[in-house]
Amino acid sequence: MFRTFAWLALFALYFLTLTCSQSAKKPLPTQSNKSLVPQDLNTLLEAFALDSAMQAGLVGLSVREASSQKEVVGYQAGKMFNLASCQKAITTATALALLGADFTFKTELQQDKHGNIYLKGYGDPTLASRILGASVPTMDQLMQTFVQQIKEAGITQIKGGIIADETAWDYDVMPSHWIWSDMGNYYGAPAYALNVADNTYELSFRPTQVGKLATLIGTQPKLPNLQFVNEVHTAEAGTGDQASIAGGSYDAIRYVSGTIPLDFQTFTIKGAMPDPPYYLAWYLTKALRANGIAVKQEPTTTRQMALSGQKNEQIRQNIYTHYSPPLRLICSYINLYSVNLFAEAVLKQIGAAFPTNKPDNTPLRAGIGAVKAFWEKRGIQKNSFYMLDGSGLAVNNGITLSQMSLLLCEAQKLNTAQIFYNTLPVSGISGTMKNVGAGTKLHNNLRAKTGGMSQVSAYSGYFKGVSGKEYTFCLAANRYTGKGAYIQQKLTDILENAVSQL
């Protein structure tokens, strides 16, 4: 009997060894781009925090019940994160509440007794905007309207010149915490008192040979007085756009560096106009002359006049007022397509509407102060929210995830709550969320503002859980290594698990 038992034990041991051996030969399950099965969110977050891409970085999540504002998930939620363009959700929610969804920017066409025509700007970021498309007149259509209004005012010749009046806002247009490598590129176009055509232009190159300097063709539209120092080289086919433009506001010299790919006959990148107010005055001068109205003097701006000691006439007659689309549409584009220029203009308009008595008051500083004061009255802690611009391009912006999810709860109490909610892109459906969570439980469920820059990925918004309850959330990863697409997929997996469990 002992022998029988021994043989049975040996057979069981052999079978167990064979099973383990076969199991060891099977590949271990990997975390692919497919969504993860539901699991404890803290466990999932802790595992992600130990990922090699995150070991030197920081990941966190805050989720709140929208109705009770109770924080049901809080992982590193008390830490301050840079949320990049999620900042736009704060800017737009505040602007809609303070300015009203039907607010419109204006631009005035004026004349003085000396024969000058003024383009008086109040910050409208939508003049001839290509982003807004058919929602606004094109540049030529806008100029034709201005020319027609001047003619209808009985003006047959302009004894002075066209002056772009920028005095509604300060001339120091660039937020102080934007970095040099962003300035000069289209997404780094700041908001002036006069903006036009999204303050951007296209710069075209012709590839040559790999390793050789690319040929600079020119800009579209043509810009006066702009020069380029070209250090862009041709790289191998398939390498994509690796070129960038550097240069500050009003600087007529641009430095272009990096590479463009060989596999294009021409290759185009986009830059920020150095002086949109001057460009607008220059273009109107051309349009008037082309339509038979003589303009004696060359175009200028109030900034250029101040530099040369000239004064502009304050007593003027208004000829025509042009209005922008309503703020609700502008905010939709800000959040759907993450338009930095629009966000900066909206923040400055808040400051213009709610100025401070401080000696260093500017629309930007006043706007930031008004936004922070608005949310502090609604329970957002002053020391947990650091704001430096309206778009999120400033690298030192910061807010704790817990405060951001609370802010989104408070936003639902505002009279403009539904309008703000509708501006946010929908997962798998629209805007910057179109390719996020498509075909998963996030699809057509989660509304969020995305945020992304070097070593920053974030999502802030709303979703409905399997329980049917509405939740606000803020999820972010900072200071990670590796590719952004990998991090974004991990964050999407976390969001899908949140929807599946709550």
Protein backbone atom coordinates (compact mmCIF):
# COMPACT_ATOMS: atom_id res chain seq x y z
CA MET A 1 0.00 0.00 0.00
CA PHE A 2 2.89 2.32 0.77
CA ARG A 3 4.30 1.68 -2.72
CA THR A 4 0.91 2.48 -4.29
CA PHE A 5 0.75 5.76 -2.35
CA ALA A 6 4.33 6.62 -3.35
CA TRP A 7 3.62 6.00 -7.02
CA LEU A 8 0.49 8.14 -6.79
CA ALA A 9 2.49 10.93 -5.11
CA LEU A 10 5.19 10.74 -7.79
CA PHE A 11 2.55 10.81 -10.54
CA ALA A 12 0.87 13.88 -8.94
CA LEU A 13 4.23 15.63 -8.63
CA TYR A 14 5.04 14.85 -12.30
CA PHE A 15 1.64 16.12 -13.44
CA LEU A 16 2.04 19.33 -11.40
CA THR A 17 5.55 19.89 -12.83
CA LEU A 18 4.30 19.30 -16.39
CA THR A 19 1.41 21.73 -15.88
CA CYS A 20 3.69 24.44 -14.48
CA SER A 21 6.16 23.88 -17.27
CA GLN A 22 3.45 24.26 -19.91
CA SER A 23 2.13 27.36 -18.15
CA ALA A 24 5.59 28.89 -18.10
CA LYS A 25 5.82 28.43 -21.86
CA LYS A 26 2.70 30.52 -22.40
CA PRO A 27 3.44 34.23 -22.91
CA LEU A 28 2.48 36.36 -19.94
CA PRO A 29 -0.44 38.72 -20.62
CA THR A 30 0.78 42.14 -21.66
CA GLN A 31 -0.89 45.52 -21.34
CA SER A 32 -1.61 46.24 -24.97
CA ASN A 33 -3.59 49.13 -26.41
CA LYS A 34 -6.77 47.18 -25.67
CA SER A 35 -8.74 48.42 -22.68
CA LEU A 36 -8.06 46.69 -19.39
CA VAL A 37 -10.67 44.65 -17.60
CA PRO A 38 -12.24 46.47 -14.65
CA GLN A 39 -10.08 46.38 -11.55
CA ASP A 40 -9.62 48.42 -8.40
CA LEU A 41 -8.70 51.93 -9.50
CA ASN A 42 -6.11 52.43 -6.80
CA THR A 43 -4.43 49.17 -7.80
CA LEU A 44 -4.43 50.22 -11.44
CA LEU A 45 -3.03 53.66 -10.59
CA GLU A 46 -0.35 52.20 -8.35
CA ALA A 47 0.68 49.78 -11.09
CA PHE A 48 0.88 52.64 -13.57
CA ALA A 49 2.94 54.68 -11.11
CA LEU A 50 5.49 51.81 -11.09
CA ASP A 51 5.61 51.69 -14.89
CA SER A 52 9.09 52.45 -16.19
CA ALA A 53 7.70 55.48 -18.03
CA MET A 54 6.29 56.91 -14.77
CA GLN A 55 8.88 56.00 -12.15
CA ALA A 56 10.35 59.51 -12.13
CA GLY A 57 6.99 61.15 -12.84
CA LEU A 58 3.67 61.71 -11.15
CA VAL A 59 0.19 60.39 -11.93
CA GLY A 60 -3.01 61.25 -10.13
CA LEU A 61 -6.79 61.06 -10.30
CA SER A 62 -9.69 62.77 -8.57
CA VAL A 63 -13.30 61.72 -9.16
CA ARG A 64 -16.31 63.33 -7.48
CA GLU A 65 -20.03 62.68 -7.51
CA ALA A 66 -21.32 65.73 -9.33
CA SER A 67 -24.41 66.13 -7.13
CA SER A 68 -22.89 65.64 -3.67
CA GLN A 69 -19.36 66.80 -4.62
CA LYS A 70 -18.02 63.88 -2.58
CA GLU A 71 -14.59 62.77 -3.76
CA VAL A 72 -14.97 59.03 -4.37
CA VAL A 73 -11.50 58.49 -5.86
CA GLY A 74 -8.45 60.44 -4.78
CA TYR A 75 -5.04 59.22 -5.86
CA GLN A 76 -2.32 61.88 -5.50
CA ALA A 77 -5.28 64.24 -5.77
CA GLY A 78 -3.79 66.79 -3.38
CA LYS A 79 -0.68 67.26 -5.52
CA MET A 80 -0.44 70.23 -7.87
CA PHE A 81 -0.21 69.20 -11.52
CA ASN A 82 0.33 71.08 -14.75
CA LEU A 83 -2.83 70.31 -16.74
CA ALA A 84 -1.74 72.14 -19.92
CA SER A 85 -4.80 72.95 -22.07
CA CYS A 86 -7.26 71.77 -19.41
CA GLN A 87 -6.71 75.35 -18.24
CA LYS A 88 -9.04 76.35 -21.08
CA ALA A 89 -11.97 74.70 -19.31
CA ILE A 90 -11.43 77.05 -16.37
CA THR A 91 -11.10 80.09 -18.63
CA THR A 92 -14.21 79.33 -20.69
CA ALA A 93 -16.42 78.37 -17.74
CA THR A 94 -15.50 81.65 -16.05
CA ALA A 95 -15.91 83.76 -19.18
CA LEU A 96 -19.37 82.39 -19.95
CA ALA A 97 -20.47 83.13 -16.38
CA LEU A 98 -18.93 86.61 -16.09
CA LEU A 99 -19.31 87.97 -19.63
CA GLY A 100 -22.40 86.05 -20.71
CA ALA A 101 -22.78 83.51 -23.49
CA ASP A 102 -24.04 86.17 -25.90
CA PHE A 103 -21.15 88.58 -25.36
CA THR A 104 -19.52 89.80 -28.57
CA PHE A 105 -16.16 91.46 -29.19
CA LYS A 106 -16.18 94.62 -31.29
CA THR A 107 -13.85 96.40 -33.71
CA GLU A 108 -14.51 100.01 -34.69
CA LEU A 109 -13.71 101.91 -37.86
CA GLN A 110 -13.17 105.59 -36.97
CA GLN A 111 -12.00 108.85 -38.53
CA ASP A 112 -10.47 112.01 -37.04
CA LYS A 113 -10.39 115.64 -38.19
CA HIS A 114 -6.87 115.23 -39.59
CA GLY A 115 -7.99 112.77 -42.23
CA ASN A 116 -6.79 109.58 -40.52
CA ILE A 117 -8.78 106.35 -40.43
CA TYR A 118 -8.45 104.23 -37.29
CA LEU A 119 -9.01 100.54 -36.78
CA LYS A 120 -9.83 100.49 -33.08
CA GLY A 121 -9.46 97.01 -31.62
CA TYR A 122 -10.97 95.54 -28.48
CA GLY A 123 -9.38 92.13 -28.64
CA ASP A 124 -11.65 90.26 -31.09
CA PRO A 125 -9.72 87.06 -31.90
CA THR A 126 -12.10 86.07 -34.70
CA LEU A 127 -11.40 88.74 -37.35
CA ALA A 128 -11.00 86.82 -40.63
CA SER A 129 -10.36 83.65 -38.62
CA ARG A 130 -9.66 80.62 -40.76
CA ILE A 131 -10.39 78.40 -37.76
CA LEU A 132 -14.00 79.60 -37.66
CA GLY A 133 -14.38 79.24 -41.43
CA ALA A 134 -17.76 80.31 -42.79
CA SER A 135 -18.85 81.63 -39.38
CA VAL A 136 -16.92 84.86 -40.04
CA PRO A 137 -16.02 86.93 -43.14
CA THR A 138 -12.76 86.13 -44.91
CA MET A 139 -9.98 88.69 -44.97
CA ASP A 140 -11.03 90.03 -48.37
CA GLN A 141 -14.70 90.10 -47.42
CA LEU A 142 -13.86 92.00 -44.24
CA MET A 143 -11.76 94.52 -46.16
CA GLN A 144 -14.53 95.03 -48.70
CA THR A 145 -16.93 95.80 -45.84
CA PHE A 146 -14.50 98.33 -44.40
CA VAL A 147 -13.93 99.94 -47.82
CA GLN A 148 -17.68 100.13 -48.46
CA GLN A 149 -18.33 101.71 -45.06
CA ILE A 150 -15.62 104.32 -45.71
CA LYS A 151 -17.19 105.14 -49.08
CA GLU A 152 -20.66 105.39 -47.54
CA ALA A 153 -19.25 107.87 -45.02
CA GLY A 154 -18.53 110.13 -48.00
CA ILE A 155 -14.76 109.69 -47.84
CA THR A 156 -13.21 109.73 -51.32
CA GLN A 157 -9.59 110.17 -50.26
CA ILE A 158 -7.66 109.76 -47.05
CA LYS A 159 -5.43 112.75 -46.38
CA GLY A 160 -3.73 110.98 -43.50
CA GLY A 161 -3.24 107.23 -43.15
CA ILE A 162 -4.64 104.03 -41.69
CA ILE A 163 -3.78 103.68 -38.00
CA ALA A 164 -4.22 100.45 -36.05
CA ASP A 165 -5.30 101.50 -32.56
CA GLU A 166 -4.10 98.97 -29.98
CA THR A 167 -4.63 101.13 -26.91
CA ALA A 168 -7.59 99.17 -25.50
CA TRP A 169 -5.08 96.60 -24.21
CA ASP A 170 -1.42 96.91 -23.27
CA TYR A 171 1.34 96.46 -25.83
CA ASP A 172 3.17 93.82 -23.80
CA VAL A 173 1.11 90.99 -25.26
CA MET A 174 3.18 87.89 -24.44
CA PRO A 175 2.42 86.13 -21.13
CA SER A 176 5.63 86.28 -19.12
CA HIS A 177 5.80 82.54 -18.43
CA TRP A 178 5.61 81.33 -22.04
CA ILE A 179 8.85 79.75 -23.20
CA TRP A 180 10.99 80.86 -26.13
CA SER A 181 10.61 77.62 -28.09
CA ASP A 182 6.81 78.20 -28.29
CA MET A 183 7.03 81.83 -29.34
CA GLY A 184 7.05 82.30 -33.09
CA ASN A 185 5.11 79.09 -33.75
CA TYR A 186 1.41 79.34 -34.61
CA TYR A 187 0.23 77.90 -31.30
CA GLY A 188 2.30 80.54 -29.48
CA ALA A 189 0.49 83.48 -31.09
CA PRO A 190 -0.50 85.87 -28.27
CA ALA A 191 -3.65 87.99 -28.15
CA TYR A 192 -3.37 91.64 -29.22
CA ALA A 193 -6.01 94.35 -29.05
CA LEU A 194 -6.22 93.83 -32.84
CA ASN A 195 -5.99 90.25 -34.08
CA VAL A 196 -6.43 89.00 -37.63
CA ALA A 197 -6.48 85.65 -39.46
CA ASP A 198 -5.72 83.80 -36.20
CA ASN A 199 -2.46 85.81 -36.02
CA THR A 200 -0.81 83.08 -38.10
CA TYR A 201 0.82 82.59 -41.49
CA GLU A 202 2.13 79.63 -43.48
CA LEU A 203 5.80 79.31 -44.35
CA SER A 204 6.72 77.03 -47.26
CA PHE A 205 9.95 75.18 -48.07
CA ARG A 206 11.23 73.05 -50.90
CA PRO A 207 13.21 69.97 -49.77
CA THR A 208 16.61 69.52 -51.42
CA GLN A 209 18.95 66.66 -50.47
CA VAL A 210 19.17 64.86 -47.15
CA GLY A 211 21.45 66.87 -44.88
CA LYS A 212 21.30 69.96 -47.08
CA LEU A 213 19.61 73.27 -46.33
CA ALA A 214 15.97 73.36 -47.48
CA THR A 215 14.96 76.16 -49.83
CA LEU A 216 12.69 78.76 -48.23
CA ILE A 217 9.90 79.71 -50.66
CA GLY A 218 7.91 82.34 -48.76
CA THR A 219 4.83 83.07 -46.67
CA GLN A 220 1.11 82.92 -47.27
CA PRO A 221 -0.27 85.49 -46.80
CA LYS A 222 2.52 87.86 -47.76
CA LEU A 223 3.71 89.76 -44.70
CA PRO A 224 5.42 93.14 -44.90
CA ASN A 225 8.89 93.72 -43.45
CA LEU A 226 9.36 90.12 -42.23
CA GLN A 227 12.74 88.42 -42.62
CA PHE A 228 13.82 84.83 -41.97
CA VAL A 229 17.09 83.30 -40.90
CA ASN A 230 16.73 79.84 -42.46
CA GLU A 231 18.49 76.92 -40.78
CA VAL A 232 15.98 74.24 -41.80
CA HIS A 233 17.57 71.12 -43.32
CA THR A 234 16.16 68.28 -45.38
CA ALA A 235 15.78 64.94 -43.57
CA GLU A 236 14.88 61.42 -44.72
CA ALA A 237 11.42 60.69 -46.08
CA GLY A 238 8.84 59.93 -43.44
CA THR A 239 10.48 61.96 -40.67
CA GLY A 240 7.62 64.47 -40.58
CA ASP A 241 7.56 68.06 -39.39
CA GLN A 242 10.54 68.72 -37.13
CA ALA A 243 10.87 72.43 -37.92
CA SER A 244 10.08 75.34 -35.62
CA ILE A 245 9.98 79.12 -35.81
CA ALA A 246 11.38 81.38 -33.09
CA GLY A 247 10.79 85.08 -32.57
CA GLY A 248 9.05 87.43 -30.18
CA SER A 249 6.17 89.85 -30.61
CA TYR A 250 6.87 92.79 -32.94
CA ASP A 251 10.20 91.20 -33.92
CA ALA A 252 10.59 91.42 -37.71
CA ILE A 253 13.25 88.69 -37.77
CA ARG A 254 12.31 85.03 -37.44
CA TYR A 255 14.72 82.14 -36.87
CA VAL A 256 13.66 78.86 -38.47
CA SER A 257 15.43 75.62 -37.55
CA GLY A 258 14.96 71.85 -37.52
CA THR A 259 14.16 69.54 -40.40
CA ILE A 260 11.48 68.82 -43.01
CA PRO A 261 11.01 65.46 -44.79
CA LEU A 262 12.29 64.69 -48.27
CA ASP A 263 9.04 63.13 -49.53
CA PHE A 264 7.21 66.39 -50.35
CA GLN A 265 7.47 68.73 -53.31
CA THR A 266 6.78 71.61 -50.92
CA PHE A 267 6.42 71.48 -47.15
CA THR A 268 4.54 74.05 -45.08
CA ILE A 269 4.71 74.97 -41.41
CA LYS A 270 2.79 77.66 -39.52
CA GLY A 271 4.08 80.64 -37.57
CA ALA A 272 2.82 83.49 -35.40
CA MET A 273 2.54 86.92 -37.02
CA PRO A 274 4.96 89.34 -35.37
CA ASP A 275 2.62 92.38 -35.55
CA PRO A 276 -1.01 91.61 -36.48
CA PRO A 277 -2.25 95.20 -35.88
CA TYR A 278 0.24 96.58 -38.38
CA TYR A 279 -0.60 93.84 -40.88
CA LEU A 280 -4.29 94.74 -40.64
CA ALA A 281 -3.58 98.46 -41.25
CA TRP A 282 -1.25 97.58 -44.15
CA TYR A 283 -3.84 95.28 -45.74
CA LEU A 284 -6.63 97.86 -45.45
CA THR A 285 -4.37 100.48 -47.04
CA LYS A 286 -3.82 98.13 -50.00
CA ALA A 287 -7.56 97.42 -50.27
CA LEU A 288 -8.47 101.11 -50.27
CA ARG A 289 -5.93 101.96 -52.95
CA ALA A 290 -7.09 99.01 -55.04
CA ASN A 291 -10.64 100.37 -54.84
CA GLY A 292 -9.74 103.85 -56.01
CA ILE A 293 -9.43 105.60 -52.62
CA ALA A 294 -6.09 107.40 -52.32
CA VAL A 295 -4.28 107.05 -48.99
CA LYS A 296 -1.62 109.71 -48.56
CA GLN A 297 0.42 108.27 -45.68
CA GLU A 298 1.74 104.78 -45.05
CA PRO A 299 0.05 102.61 -42.42
CA THR A 300 1.11 102.67 -38.80
CA THR A 301 -0.01 101.67 -35.31
CA THR A 302 -0.49 103.53 -32.04
CA ARG A 303 2.43 101.53 -30.62
CA GLN A 304 4.73 102.69 -33.42
CA MET A 305 3.50 106.25 -33.00
CA ALA A 306 4.21 106.15 -29.26
CA LEU A 307 7.75 104.90 -29.93
CA SER A 308 8.40 107.89 -32.20
CA GLY A 309 6.80 110.38 -29.83
CA GLN A 310 3.66 110.98 -31.90
CA LYS A 311 0.23 111.38 -30.36
CA ASN A 312 -2.95 109.99 -31.84
CA GLU A 313 -6.12 112.04 -31.97
CA GLN A 314 -8.63 111.00 -29.33
CA ILE A 315 -11.61 112.91 -30.75
CA ARG A 316 -12.99 110.68 -33.49
CA GLN A 317 -16.18 109.85 -35.31
CA ASN A 318 -17.29 106.24 -35.51
CA ILE A 319 -17.91 105.02 -39.06
CA TYR A 320 -18.70 101.36 -38.52
CA THR A 321 -18.66 98.70 -35.78
CA HIS A 322 -17.90 95.07 -36.58
CA TYR A 323 -18.99 92.38 -34.10
CA SER A 324 -17.64 88.90 -33.48
CA PRO A 325 -19.73 85.74 -33.21
CA PRO A 326 -21.14 85.18 -29.69
CA LEU A 327 -18.89 83.99 -26.90
CA ARG A 328 -20.66 80.62 -26.75
CA LEU A 329 -19.34 79.80 -30.24
CA ILE A 330 -15.85 81.09 -29.45
CA CYS A 331 -15.73 78.97 -26.28
CA SER A 332 -16.86 75.91 -28.24
CA TYR A 333 -13.87 76.28 -30.55
CA ILE A 334 -11.56 76.91 -27.60
CA ASN A 335 -12.50 73.62 -25.98
CA LEU A 336 -13.17 71.53 -29.07
CA TYR A 337 -9.94 72.40 -30.87
CA SER A 338 -7.82 73.87 -28.07
CA VAL A 339 -7.27 77.29 -29.68
CA ASN A 340 -4.70 79.13 -27.58
CA LEU A 341 -5.24 82.55 -29.17
CA PHE A 342 -8.98 82.51 -28.50
CA ALA A 343 -8.43 81.49 -24.87
CA GLU A 344 -5.92 84.27 -24.28
CA ALA A 345 -8.22 86.88 -25.82
CA VAL A 346 -11.14 85.69 -23.69
CA LEU A 347 -9.05 85.88 -20.50
CA LYS A 348 -7.90 89.41 -21.34
CA GLN A 349 -11.50 90.42 -22.04
CA ILE A 350 -12.43 89.24 -18.55
CA GLY A 351 -9.66 91.50 -17.25
CA ALA A 352 -10.88 94.41 -19.37
CA ALA A 353 -14.39 93.94 -17.99
CA PHE A 354 -13.20 93.54 -14.39
CA PRO A 355 -10.11 95.74 -14.00
CA THR A 356 -8.20 96.10 -10.76
CA ASN A 357 -6.87 99.22 -9.04
CA LYS A 358 -3.35 97.84 -8.85
CA PRO A 359 -0.55 99.97 -10.38
CA ASP A 360 0.55 97.11 -12.66
CA ASN A 361 -2.97 96.39 -13.86
CA THR A 362 -3.16 94.86 -17.35
CA PRO A 363 -5.99 92.90 -18.97
CA LEU A 364 -4.00 89.67 -18.48
CA ARG A 365 -3.24 90.25 -14.79
CA ALA A 366 -6.73 91.55 -14.10
CA GLY A 367 -8.21 88.58 -15.94
CA ILE A 368 -6.23 86.11 -13.88
CA GLY A 369 -7.24 87.92 -10.69
CA ALA A 370 -10.90 87.90 -11.66
CA VAL A 371 -10.84 84.18 -12.52
CA LYS A 372 -9.16 83.24 -9.24
CA ALA A 373 -11.51 85.45 -7.20
CA PHE A 374 -14.54 83.95 -8.96
CA TRP A 375 -13.59 80.39 -7.99
CA GLU A 376 -12.31 81.23 -4.52
CA LYS A 377 -15.83 82.45 -3.71
CA ARG A 378 -16.99 78.98 -4.74
CA GLY A 379 -14.62 77.06 -2.49
CA ILE A 380 -11.49 76.65 -4.62
CA GLN A 381 -8.45 77.04 -2.36
CA LYS A 382 -6.19 79.94 -3.24
CA ASN A 383 -2.98 78.03 -2.58
CA SER A 384 -4.06 75.07 -4.69
CA PHE A 385 -4.54 76.98 -7.93
CA TYR A 386 -1.73 78.79 -9.75
CA MET A 387 -2.76 80.54 -12.97
CA LEU A 388 -0.48 82.38 -15.39
CA ASP A 389 -2.45 82.45 -18.65
CA GLY A 390 -5.76 81.47 -20.20
CA SER A 391 -4.69 78.71 -22.56
CA GLY A 392 -2.42 76.53 -20.42
CA LEU A 393 0.71 77.17 -22.48
CA ALA A 394 2.61 78.53 -19.46
CA VAL A 395 4.70 75.70 -18.04
CA ASN A 396 4.26 76.88 -14.42
CA ASN A 397 0.46 76.72 -14.32
CA GLY A 398 -0.81 74.37 -11.65
CA ILE A 399 -3.88 73.13 -9.80
CA THR A 400 -4.48 70.11 -7.60
CA LEU A 401 -6.60 67.40 -9.16
CA SER A 402 -8.97 67.50 -6.20
CA GLN A 403 -9.59 71.22 -6.69
CA MET A 404 -10.08 70.80 -10.43
CA SER A 405 -12.75 68.13 -9.98
CA LEU A 406 -14.42 70.39 -7.38
CA LEU A 407 -14.29 73.35 -9.77
CA LEU A 408 -16.08 71.27 -12.40
CA CYS A 409 -18.78 70.43 -9.83
CA GLU A 410 -19.21 74.11 -9.05
CA ALA A 411 -19.37 74.93 -12.75
CA GLN A 412 -22.55 72.84 -12.94
CA LYS A 413 -24.25 75.25 -10.53
CA LEU A 414 -23.79 78.26 -12.79
CA ASN A 415 -26.52 79.70 -15.01
CA THR A 416 -24.32 78.91 -18.01
CA ALA A 417 -23.63 75.33 -16.89
CA GLN A 418 -25.27 73.60 -19.86
CA ILE A 419 -23.65 75.94 -22.36
CA PHE A 420 -20.22 75.25 -20.86
CA TYR A 421 -20.90 71.49 -20.74
CA ASN A 422 -21.81 71.52 -24.43
CA THR A 423 -18.50 73.17 -25.36
CA LEU A 424 -16.51 70.15 -24.18
CA PRO A 425 -15.55 67.55 -26.80
CA VAL A 426 -17.16 64.11 -26.55
CA SER A 427 -15.12 60.91 -26.34
CA GLY A 428 -15.06 59.08 -29.67
CA ILE A 429 -17.18 61.80 -31.30
CA SER A 430 -15.74 65.31 -31.52
CA GLY A 431 -12.79 67.67 -31.29
CA THR A 432 -9.65 66.61 -29.49
CA MET A 433 -11.56 63.68 -27.92
CA LYS A 434 -12.60 62.15 -31.25
CA ASN A 435 -9.99 59.40 -31.12
CA VAL A 436 -10.09 58.90 -27.34
CA GLY A 437 -12.08 55.91 -26.10
CA ALA A 438 -13.80 55.26 -29.41
CA GLY A 439 -15.67 51.93 -29.28
CA THR A 440 -15.28 51.63 -25.50
CA LYS A 441 -17.54 52.51 -22.57
CA LEU A 442 -16.21 56.06 -22.86
CA HIS A 443 -17.69 56.45 -26.35
CA ASN A 444 -20.32 59.22 -26.45
CA ASN A 445 -20.32 59.23 -22.66
CA LEU A 446 -17.31 61.14 -21.40
CA ARG A 447 -16.96 64.89 -22.07
CA ALA A 448 -13.55 66.34 -21.34
CA LYS A 449 -11.00 68.99 -22.10
CA THR A 450 -7.68 67.46 -23.05
CA GLY A 451 -4.30 68.81 -22.06
CA GLY A 452 -0.95 67.97 -23.59
CA MET A 453 2.55 69.38 -23.84
CA SER A 454 6.04 67.99 -23.30
CA GLN A 455 5.79 65.51 -20.39
CA VAL A 456 2.17 66.47 -19.66
CA SER A 457 -1.01 64.53 -20.47
CA ALA A 458 -4.32 65.34 -18.79
CA TYR A 459 -8.10 65.03 -19.03
CA SER A 460 -10.69 67.03 -17.08
CA GLY A 461 -14.43 66.73 -17.43
CA TYR A 462 -17.57 64.68 -16.83
CA PHE A 463 -18.81 61.13 -17.30
CA LYS A 464 -21.74 58.92 -16.33
CA GLY A 465 -20.84 55.75 -14.46
CA VAL A 466 -22.53 52.34 -14.77
CA SER A 467 -24.57 53.37 -11.72
CA GLY A 468 -26.14 56.14 -13.79
CA LYS A 469 -24.61 58.82 -11.60
CA GLU A 470 -22.80 61.84 -13.06
CA TYR A 471 -19.17 62.34 -12.03
CA THR A 472 -16.54 65.02 -12.48
CA PHE A 473 -12.93 64.01 -12.80
CA CYS A 474 -9.39 65.19 -13.37
CA LEU A 475 -6.70 62.72 -14.44
CA ALA A 476 -3.12 63.71 -15.20
CA ALA A 477 0.42 62.44 -15.71
CA ASN A 478 3.40 64.77 -15.41
CA ARG A 479 7.16 64.36 -15.89
CA TYR A 480 6.92 60.99 -17.59
CA THR A 481 9.39 59.51 -20.05
CA GLY A 482 8.66 57.72 -23.29
CA LYS A 483 6.05 58.41 -25.92
CA GLY A 484 2.96 60.46 -25.19
CA ALA A 485 0.71 58.03 -27.07
CA TYR A 486 1.62 55.25 -24.62
CA ILE A 487 0.80 57.45 -21.62
CA GLN A 488 -2.46 58.61 -23.16
CA GLN A 489 -3.57 55.04 -23.74
CA LYS A 490 -2.81 54.20 -20.11
CA LEU A 491 -4.87 57.18 -18.99
CA THR A 492 -7.70 56.10 -21.29
CA ASP A 493 -7.62 52.64 -19.69
CA ILE A 494 -7.90 54.24 -16.25
CA LEU A 495 -10.89 56.31 -17.33
CA GLU A 496 -12.61 53.27 -18.79
CA ASN A 497 -12.16 51.44 -15.53
CA ALA A 498 -13.56 54.44 -13.64
CA VAL A 499 -16.69 54.41 -15.81
CA SER A 500 -17.02 50.64 -15.35
CA GLN A 501 -16.78 50.73 -11.55
CA LEU A 502 -18.66 53.85 -10.46
